Each structure stands twice: as C-alpha cells, then as structure tokens.
C-alpha cells in the first residue's frame, strides 16, 4: 500500500474507531474484567515496583535512550557512507519518536476525558461520556483531566516507524511485530491498573500509524522536489 493510501486508510480507521468505541459500550465491557467492585481494586497494583519498572518507568526510559542515541548517531555520522542506506529510515524513526507522543499528548490536553479509575462506576466521581459529549450540567469539574488517548503507549507505537528502516519484507514484519508488542504491553499495563480503556490504546495505535504515514509522505514529497 502506498503511503498516500495509508494516510487515507488510517484517517478513516481513526474516525471509525472513535465512533465505534463511543457508541458500542466495548470499553466498559472490557474494563469490567479488570476491576473488582467488592474490594474497589484493579487487577494490577499500580504501586507494585517490578511491574511498574518493566511496563512504565523502565520501558519509557529505554525508548527515550534509544531514540537519543539514534539522533546522536545521525548528527555525528550523517555523511558517512555506511549510514547512507539507513539515513532516511533513521530520520523517520527520530521524527516519529518526537511527533507521535507530542500529538497524542496535545489531544490528551484538549479532550478532557477521565481515566477508568476516575469514573463513578469504578469508585471515582466522573460520569462516563463519549469524546464528543459534554459533561452533565450537574457535574462540577474542578480542573481539566487528561486521559484520552493513551500517552504512555504512544512511545511504543512510535516504534512502528522502524518498518521504514529496513528493506526486506521479513525484517519489516519483525520490526512491526516488535513495535506492536511493545506498544500493547505498555497500553495493557495501563488498562490493568485502571488508567486507560481499550479505546485509548487502540486509538493511540491508529494515530501513530497516521502520524508516521504523514511523516513519510512529507519526506517523500521533499525528496521529489530535490
């Protein structure tokens, strides 16, 4: 599939995903499996140090370190012959590492949607609403809340850009599979501690696909213009 087609497909997939999760009730059905209403506890304890390090602090720091190393390598060895065949792919990886979390984080700041743990049905004080709905007039919100889409998983899904670093089909499939595994492990952890719904992670994944496709499309346009 061409990059232009990927842009259209990912944009349509993003729109349909927002509508589906907003209307279907899938989020609540899935999240109910991770919550114990009798004990008011989620399936995983957010303060458990080993899991928190592996799926939150540790993986986030590792991704940041790897991206910084890639950026430094590009700066130091930009004109080196051995980097020539990977230069374009590495630029895509670095730009994706910057813009995917940045765009997702910007949406989080605008949408003003709560996490599952904040909802009344899970012991919080927020009513459940869709992304296009306003809170009821009877609800008094003290300050903005930032939970939609999933910011933590955005760093993992930004690694889908690794697909453009390799040339063989086998290597591309492996890179995409690793990126999906990392993104979903980060997103699933946040779901199991009550920080995100399934839709938050899924929509972040589709947004990452769209943003990466836009980056690749822009680079290709610049290259054609010389």
C-alpha atoms as a PDB file:
ATOM      1  CA  UNK A   1       0.000   0.000   0.000  1.00  0.00           C
ATOM      2  CA  UNK A   2       1.370   3.420  -0.939  1.00  0.00           C
ATOM      3  CA  UNK A   3       1.965   5.996   1.784  1.00  0.00           C
ATOM      4  CA  UNK A   4      -0.789   8.223   0.343  1.00  0.00           C
ATOM      5  CA  UNK A   5      -3.274   5.355   0.644  1.00  0.00           C
ATOM      6  CA  UNK A   6      -2.071   4.635   4.171  1.00  0.00           C
ATOM      7  CA  UNK A   7      -2.870   8.212   5.095  1.00  0.00           C
ATOM      8  CA  UNK A   8      -6.437   7.855   3.865  1.00  0.00           C
ATOM      9  CA  UNK A   9      -6.943   4.404   5.372  1.00  0.00           C
ATOM     10  CA  UNK A  10      -5.514   5.383   8.760  1.00  0.00           C
ATOM     11  CA  UNK A  11      -7.608   8.577   8.839  1.00  0.00           C
ATOM     12  CA  UNK A  12     -10.779   6.600   8.087  1.00  0.00           C
ATOM     13  CA  UNK A  13      -9.799   3.926  10.627  1.00  0.00           C
ATOM     14  CA  UNK A  14      -9.274   6.626  13.253  1.00  0.00           C
ATOM     15  CA  UNK A  15     -12.689   8.168  12.612  1.00  0.00           C
ATOM     16  CA  UNK A  16     -14.479   4.825  12.669  1.00  0.00           C
ATOM     17  CA  UNK A  17     -12.634   3.773  15.833  1.00  0.00           C
ATOM     18  CA  UNK A  18     -13.749   6.894  17.699  1.00  0.00           C
ATOM     19  CA  UNK A  19     -17.364   6.341  16.618  1.00  0.00           C
ATOM     20  CA  UNK A  20     -17.335   2.604  17.371  1.00  0.00           C
ATOM     21  CA  UNK A  21     -15.894   2.883  20.863  1.00  0.00           C
ATOM     22  CA  UNK A  22     -18.044   5.905  21.641  1.00  0.00           C
ATOM     23  CA  UNK A  23     -21.291   4.111  20.795  1.00  0.00           C
ATOM     24  CA  UNK A  24     -20.676   0.404  21.411  1.00  0.00           C
ATOM     25  CA  UNK A  25     -20.003   0.153  25.148  1.00  0.00           C
ATOM     26  CA  UNK A  26     -17.000  -2.076  24.411  1.00  0.00           C
ATOM     27  CA  UNK A  27     -14.747  -0.079  26.728  1.00  0.00           C
ATOM     28  CA  UNK A  28     -16.885  -0.671  29.803  1.00  0.00           C
ATOM     29  CA  UNK A  29     -17.409  -4.356  28.972  1.00  0.00           C
ATOM     30  CA  UNK A  30     -13.654  -4.944  28.649  1.00  0.00           C
ATOM     31  CA  UNK A  31     -12.684  -2.814  31.646  1.00  0.00           C
ATOM     32  CA  UNK A  32     -15.145  -4.609  33.929  1.00  0.00           C
ATOM     33  CA  UNK A  33     -12.941  -7.710  33.637  1.00  0.00           C
ATOM     34  CA  UNK A  34     -10.062  -5.807  35.256  1.00  0.00           C
ATOM     35  CA  UNK A  35     -11.947  -4.347  38.220  1.00  0.00           C
ATOM     36  CA  UNK A  36     -13.104  -5.918  41.490  1.00  0.00           C
ATOM     37  CA  UNK A  37     -16.042  -3.813  42.761  1.00  0.00           C
ATOM     38  CA  UNK A  38     -16.171  -5.614  46.112  1.00  0.00           C
ATOM     39  CA  UNK A  39     -12.622  -4.621  47.007  1.00  0.00           C
ATOM     40  CA  UNK A  40     -12.501  -1.489  44.837  1.00  0.00           C
ATOM     41  CA  UNK A  41      -9.271  -2.775  43.286  1.00  0.00           C
ATOM     42  CA  UNK A  42      -7.887  -3.177  39.798  1.00  0.00           C
ATOM     43  CA  UNK A  43      -6.342  -6.385  38.538  1.00  0.00           C
ATOM     44  CA  UNK A  44      -2.816  -4.997  38.947  1.00  0.00           C
ATOM     45  CA  UNK A  45      -1.482  -2.773  41.709  1.00  0.00           C
ATOM     46  CA  UNK A  46      -0.076   0.449  40.248  1.00  0.00           C
ATOM     47  CA  UNK A  47       2.438   0.639  43.104  1.00  0.00           C
ATOM     48  CA  UNK A  48       3.915  -2.840  42.536  1.00  0.00           C
ATOM     49  CA  UNK A  49       7.566  -1.856  41.864  1.00  0.00           C
ATOM     50  CA  UNK A  50       8.680  -4.599  39.474  1.00  0.00           C
ATOM     51  CA  UNK A  51       5.726  -4.313  37.104  1.00  0.00           C
ATOM     52  CA  UNK A  52       5.867  -0.530  37.289  1.00  0.00           C
ATOM     53  CA  UNK A  53       9.541  -0.550  36.334  1.00  0.00           C
ATOM     54  CA  UNK A  54       9.121  -3.049  33.478  1.00  0.00           C
ATOM     55  CA  UNK A  55       5.985  -1.647  31.865  1.00  0.00           C
ATOM     56  CA  UNK A  56       6.155   2.030  32.829  1.00  0.00           C
ATOM     57  CA  UNK A  57       9.371   3.674  34.011  1.00  0.00           C
ATOM     58  CA  UNK A  58      11.846   1.181  32.565  1.00  0.00           C
ATOM     59  CA  UNK A  59      10.408   0.781  29.075  1.00  0.00           C
ATOM     60  CA  UNK A  60       9.776   4.529  28.765  1.00  0.00           C
ATOM     61  CA  UNK A  61      13.364   5.366  29.689  1.00  0.00           C
ATOM     62  CA  UNK A  62      14.725   2.686  27.373  1.00  0.00           C
ATOM     63  CA  UNK A  63      12.767   4.054  24.398  1.00  0.00           C
ATOM     64  CA  UNK A  64      13.946   7.600  25.154  1.00  0.00           C
ATOM     65  CA  UNK A  65      17.580   6.471  25.459  1.00  0.00           C
ATOM     66  CA  UNK A  66      17.435   4.527  22.179  1.00  0.00           C
ATOM     67  CA  UNK A  67      15.923   7.486  20.322  1.00  0.00           C
ATOM     68  CA  UNK A  68      18.525   9.875  21.746  1.00  0.00           C
ATOM     69  CA  UNK A  69      21.294   7.501  20.635  1.00  0.00           C
ATOM     70  CA  UNK A  70      19.796   7.340  17.140  1.00  0.00           C
ATOM     71  CA  UNK A  71      19.656  11.143  16.990  1.00  0.00           C
ATOM     72  CA  UNK A  72      23.265  11.487  18.166  1.00  0.00           C
ATOM     73  CA  UNK A  73      24.367   8.872  15.630  1.00  0.00           C
ATOM     74  CA  UNK A  74      22.619  10.743  12.835  1.00  0.00           C
ATOM     75  CA  UNK A  75      24.278  14.016  13.801  1.00  0.00           C
ATOM     76  CA  UNK A  76      27.766  12.529  14.143  1.00  0.00           C
ATOM     77  CA  UNK A  77      27.740  10.234  11.123  1.00  0.00           C
ATOM     78  CA  UNK A  78      25.304  11.988   8.767  1.00  0.00           C
ATOM     79  CA  UNK A  79      27.694  11.996   5.804  1.00  0.00           C
ATOM     80  CA  UNK A  80      29.310   8.611   6.443  1.00  0.00           C
ATOM     81  CA  UNK A  81      28.823   6.144   3.543  1.00  0.00           C
ATOM     82  CA  UNK A  82      27.803   3.253   5.827  1.00  0.00           C
ATOM     83  CA  UNK A  83      24.813   5.288   7.035  1.00  0.00           C
ATOM     84  CA  UNK A  84      23.562   6.246   3.577  1.00  0.00           C
ATOM     85  CA  UNK A  85      21.090   3.371   3.082  1.00  0.00           C
ATOM     86  CA  UNK A  86      19.634   3.823   6.589  1.00  0.00           C
ATOM     87  CA  UNK A  87      19.648   7.633   6.786  1.00  0.00           C
ATOM     88  CA  UNK A  88      16.084   8.154   5.571  1.00  0.00           C
ATOM     89  CA  UNK A  89      14.709   5.423   7.833  1.00  0.00           C
ATOM     90  CA  UNK A  90      16.526   6.765  10.879  1.00  0.00           C
ATOM     91  CA  UNK A  91      15.187  10.262  10.230  1.00  0.00           C
ATOM     92  CA  UNK A  92      11.669   8.803  10.114  1.00  0.00           C
ATOM     93  CA  UNK A  93      12.290   6.971  13.403  1.00  0.00           C
ATOM     94  CA  UNK A  94      13.522  10.120  15.162  1.00  0.00           C
ATOM     95  CA  UNK A  95      10.708  12.325  13.839  1.00  0.00           C
ATOM     96  CA  UNK A  96       8.134   9.691  14.809  1.00  0.00           C
ATOM     97  CA  UNK A  97       9.607   9.461  18.311  1.00  0.00           C
ATOM     98  CA  UNK A  98       9.080  13.221  18.630  1.00  0.00           C
ATOM     99  CA  UNK A  99       5.761  13.836  16.912  1.00  0.00           C
ATOM    100  CA  UNK A 100       3.711  10.758  17.860  1.00  0.00           C
ATOM    101  CA  UNK A 101       3.918  11.418  21.639  1.00  0.00           C
ATOM    102  CA  UNK A 102       3.665  15.169  21.030  1.00  0.00           C
ATOM    103  CA  UNK A 103       0.443  14.947  19.009  1.00  0.00           C
ATOM    104  CA  UNK A 104      -1.107  12.339  21.298  1.00  0.00           C
ATOM    105  CA  UNK A 105      -0.182  14.433  24.339  1.00  0.00           C
ATOM    106  CA  UNK A 106      -1.756  17.505  22.732  1.00  0.00           C
ATOM    107  CA  UNK A 107      -5.011  15.613  22.210  1.00  0.00           C
ATOM    108  CA  UNK A 108      -4.919  14.479  25.847  1.00  0.00           C
ATOM    109  CA  UNK A 109      -4.766  18.110  26.902  1.00  0.00           C
ATOM    110  CA  UNK A 110      -7.744  19.056  24.713  1.00  0.00           C
ATOM    111  CA  UNK A 111     -10.215  16.189  25.104  1.00  0.00           C
ATOM    112  CA  UNK A 112     -10.694  16.489  28.887  1.00  0.00           C
ATOM    113  CA  UNK A 113     -11.764  12.855  29.319  1.00  0.00           C
ATOM    114  CA  UNK A 114     -11.254  10.842  32.526  1.00  0.00           C
ATOM    115  CA  UNK A 115      -9.452   7.565  33.124  1.00  0.00           C
ATOM    116  CA  UNK A 116     -11.466   4.493  34.129  1.00  0.00           C
ATOM    117  CA  UNK A 117     -10.325   4.935  37.751  1.00  0.00           C
ATOM    118  CA  UNK A 118     -11.961   8.393  37.740  1.00  0.00           C
ATOM    119  CA  UNK A 119     -15.429   7.152  36.750  1.00  0.00           C
ATOM    120  CA  UNK A 120     -18.279   6.785  39.217  1.00  0.00           C
ATOM    121  CA  UNK A 121     -18.786   3.147  38.248  1.00  0.00           C
ATOM    122  CA  UNK A 122     -15.213   2.428  39.359  1.00  0.00           C
ATOM    123  CA  UNK A 123     -15.179   4.403  42.585  1.00  0.00           C
ATOM    124  CA  UNK A 124     -14.397   7.845  41.137  1.00  0.00           C
ATOM    125  CA  UNK A 125     -16.567  10.935  40.723  1.00  0.00           C
ATOM    126  CA  UNK A 126     -16.694  11.448  36.926  1.00  0.00           C
ATOM    127  CA  UNK A 127     -19.685  10.461  34.758  1.00  0.00           C
ATOM    128  CA  UNK A 128     -18.982   8.337  31.691  1.00  0.00           C
ATOM    129  CA  UNK A 129     -19.136  10.362  28.461  1.00  0.00           C
ATOM    130  CA  UNK A 130     -18.059   9.984  24.837  1.00  0.00           C
ATOM    131  CA  UNK A 131     -15.315  12.139  23.391  1.00  0.00           C
ATOM    132  CA  UNK A 132     -17.853  14.334  21.564  1.00  0.00           C
ATOM    133  CA  UNK A 133     -20.158  14.765  24.588  1.00  0.00           C
ATOM    134  CA  UNK A 134     -20.128  17.415  27.298  1.00  0.00           C
ATOM    135  CA  UNK A 135     -20.350  16.618  30.976  1.00  0.00           C
ATOM    136  CA  UNK A 136     -23.828  16.930  32.531  1.00  0.00           C
ATOM    137  CA  UNK A 137     -24.676  20.394  33.851  1.00  0.00           C
ATOM    138  CA  UNK A 138     -24.982  18.914  37.348  1.00  0.00           C
ATOM    139  CA  UNK A 139     -21.359  17.767  37.320  1.00  0.00           C
ATOM    140  CA  UNK A 140     -18.852  20.219  38.778  1.00  0.00           C
ATOM    141  CA  UNK A 141     -15.339  19.717  37.430  1.00  0.00           C
ATOM    142  CA  UNK A 142     -12.560  21.335  39.440  1.00  0.00           C
ATOM    143  CA  UNK A 143      -9.912  21.143  36.710  1.00  0.00           C
ATOM    144  CA  UNK A 144      -9.125  19.584  33.345  1.00  0.00           C
ATOM    145  CA  UNK A 145      -8.278  15.902  33.218  1.00  0.00           C
ATOM    146  CA  UNK A 146      -6.024  14.243  30.644  1.00  0.00           C
ATOM    147  CA  UNK A 147      -6.690  10.598  29.866  1.00  0.00           C
ATOM    148  CA  UNK A 148      -7.686  10.260  26.195  1.00  0.00           C
ATOM    149  CA  UNK A 149      -5.945   8.901  24.210  1.00  0.00           C
ATOM    150  CA  UNK A 150      -3.155   6.829  25.804  1.00  0.00           C
ATOM    151  CA  UNK A 151       0.013   8.883  26.116  1.00  0.00           C
ATOM    152  CA  UNK A 152       2.235   6.213  27.665  1.00  0.00           C
ATOM    153  CA  UNK A 153       1.688   3.739  24.830  1.00  0.00           C
ATOM    154  CA  UNK A 154       2.405   6.397  22.200  1.00  0.00           C
ATOM    155  CA  UNK A 155       6.152   5.954  22.673  1.00  0.00           C
ATOM    156  CA  UNK A 156       5.820   2.248  21.965  1.00  0.00           C
ATOM    157  CA  UNK A 157       3.609   2.683  18.907  1.00  0.00           C
ATOM    158  CA  UNK A 158       6.003   5.329  17.552  1.00  0.00           C
ATOM    159  CA  UNK A 159       8.381   2.400  17.041  1.00  0.00           C
ATOM    160  CA  UNK A 160       6.169   1.296  14.141  1.00  0.00           C
ATOM    161  CA  UNK A 161       8.368   3.713  12.202  1.00  0.00           C
ATOM    162  CA  UNK A 162      11.084   1.031  12.348  1.00  0.00           C
ATOM    163  CA  UNK A 163       9.262  -0.577   9.429  1.00  0.00           C
ATOM    164  CA  UNK A 164      10.766   2.131   7.218  1.00  0.00           C
ATOM    165  CA  UNK A 165      14.274   1.449   8.480  1.00  0.00           C
ATOM    166  CA  UNK A 166      14.514  -1.982   6.873  1.00  0.00           C
ATOM    167  CA  UNK A 167      14.196  -3.143   3.278  1.00  0.00           C
ATOM    168  CA  UNK A 168      13.302  -6.830   3.341  1.00  0.00           C
ATOM    169  CA  UNK A 169       9.736  -7.946   3.958  1.00  0.00           C
ATOM    170  CA  UNK A 170      10.835 -10.293   6.749  1.00  0.00           C
ATOM    171  CA  UNK A 171      12.689  -7.515   8.579  1.00  0.00           C
ATOM    172  CA  UNK A 172       9.738  -5.127   8.190  1.00  0.00           C
ATOM    173  CA  UNK A 173       7.304  -7.683   9.617  1.00  0.00           C
ATOM    174  CA  UNK A 174       9.633  -8.378  12.538  1.00  0.00           C
ATOM    175  CA  UNK A 175      10.088  -4.664  13.273  1.00  0.00           C
ATOM    176  CA  UNK A 176       6.340  -4.028  13.117  1.00  0.00           C
ATOM    177  CA  UNK A 177       5.592  -7.025  15.333  1.00  0.00           C
ATOM    178  CA  UNK A 178       8.106  -5.909  17.974  1.00  0.00           C
ATOM    179  CA  UNK A 179       6.689  -2.369  17.929  1.00  0.00           C
ATOM    180  CA  UNK A 180       3.125  -3.665  18.318  1.00  0.00           C
ATOM    181  CA  UNK A 181       4.167  -5.934  21.179  1.00  0.00           C
ATOM    182  CA  UNK A 182       5.867  -3.053  22.999  1.00  0.00           C
ATOM    183  CA  UNK A 183       3.007  -0.615  22.383  1.00  0.00           C
ATOM    184  CA  UNK A 184       0.326  -3.048  23.502  1.00  0.00           C
ATOM    185  CA  UNK A 185       2.273  -4.231  26.549  1.00  0.00           C
ATOM    186  CA  UNK A 186       2.588  -0.600  27.666  1.00  0.00           C
ATOM    187  CA  UNK A 187      -1.068   0.089  26.902  1.00  0.00           C
ATOM    188  CA  UNK A 188      -2.334  -3.126  28.509  1.00  0.00           C
ATOM    189  CA  UNK A 189      -0.467  -2.406  31.724  1.00  0.00           C
ATOM    190  CA  UNK A 190      -2.211   0.956  31.978  1.00  0.00           C
ATOM    191  CA  UNK A 191      -5.556  -0.718  31.346  1.00  0.00           C
ATOM    192  CA  UNK A 192      -4.951  -3.284  34.091  1.00  0.00           C
ATOM    193  CA  UNK A 193      -4.225  -0.585  36.678  1.00  0.00           C
ATOM    194  CA  UNK A 194      -7.294   1.452  35.688  1.00  0.00           C
ATOM    195  CA  UNK A 195      -5.553   4.267  33.834  1.00  0.00           C
ATOM    196  CA  UNK A 196      -6.904   3.641  30.338  1.00  0.00           C
ATOM    197  CA  UNK A 197      -9.691   1.989  28.375  1.00  0.00           C
ATOM    198  CA  UNK A 198      -9.111  -0.308  25.416  1.00  0.00           C
ATOM    199  CA  UNK A 199     -10.175   2.507  23.071  1.00  0.00           C
ATOM    200  CA  UNK A 200      -7.494   4.828  24.464  1.00  0.00           C
ATOM    201  CA  UNK A 201      -4.726   2.416  23.474  1.00  0.00           C
ATOM    202  CA  UNK A 202      -6.295   1.366  20.182  1.00  0.00           C
ATOM    203  CA  UNK A 203      -6.837   4.944  19.049  1.00  0.00           C
ATOM    204  CA  UNK A 204      -3.274   5.845  20.029  1.00  0.00           C
ATOM    205  CA  UNK A 205      -2.072   2.995  17.813  1.00  0.00           C
ATOM    206  CA  UNK A 206      -4.098   4.254  14.837  1.00  0.00           C
ATOM    207  CA  UNK A 207      -2.990   7.826  15.473  1.00  0.00           C
ATOM    208  CA  UNK A 208       0.634   6.660  15.457  1.00  0.00           C
ATOM    209  CA  UNK A 209       0.041   4.942  12.122  1.00  0.00           C
ATOM    210  CA  UNK A 210      -1.445   8.129  10.675  1.00  0.00           C
ATOM    211  CA  UNK A 211       1.308  10.411  12.021  1.00  0.00           C
ATOM    212  CA  UNK A 212       4.114   8.124  10.835  1.00  0.00           C
ATOM    213  CA  UNK A 213       2.484   7.878   7.393  1.00  0.00           C
ATOM    214  CA  UNK A 214       2.236  11.679   7.279  1.00  0.00           C
ATOM    215  CA  UNK A 215       5.924  11.995   8.167  1.00  0.00           C
ATOM    216  CA  UNK A 216       6.921   9.520   5.452  1.00  0.00           C
ATOM    217  CA  UNK A 217       4.643  11.213   2.919  1.00  0.00           C
ATOM    218  CA  UNK A 218       6.152  14.625   3.703  1.00  0.00           C
ATOM    219  CA  UNK A 219       9.715  13.314   3.393  1.00  0.00           C
ATOM    220  CA  UNK A 220       8.902  11.672   0.079  1.00  0.00           C
ATOM    221  CA  UNK A 221       7.446  14.941  -1.235  1.00  0.00           C
ATOM    222  CA  UNK A 222      10.579  16.833  -0.186  1.00  0.00           C
ATOM    223  CA  UNK A 223      12.795  14.246  -1.851  1.00  0.00           C
ATOM    224  CA  UNK A 224      10.878  14.515  -5.114  1.00  0.00           C
ATOM    225  CA  UNK A 225      11.362  18.269  -5.046  1.00  0.00           C
ATOM    226  CA  UNK A 226      15.105  17.756  -4.614  1.00  0.00           C
END
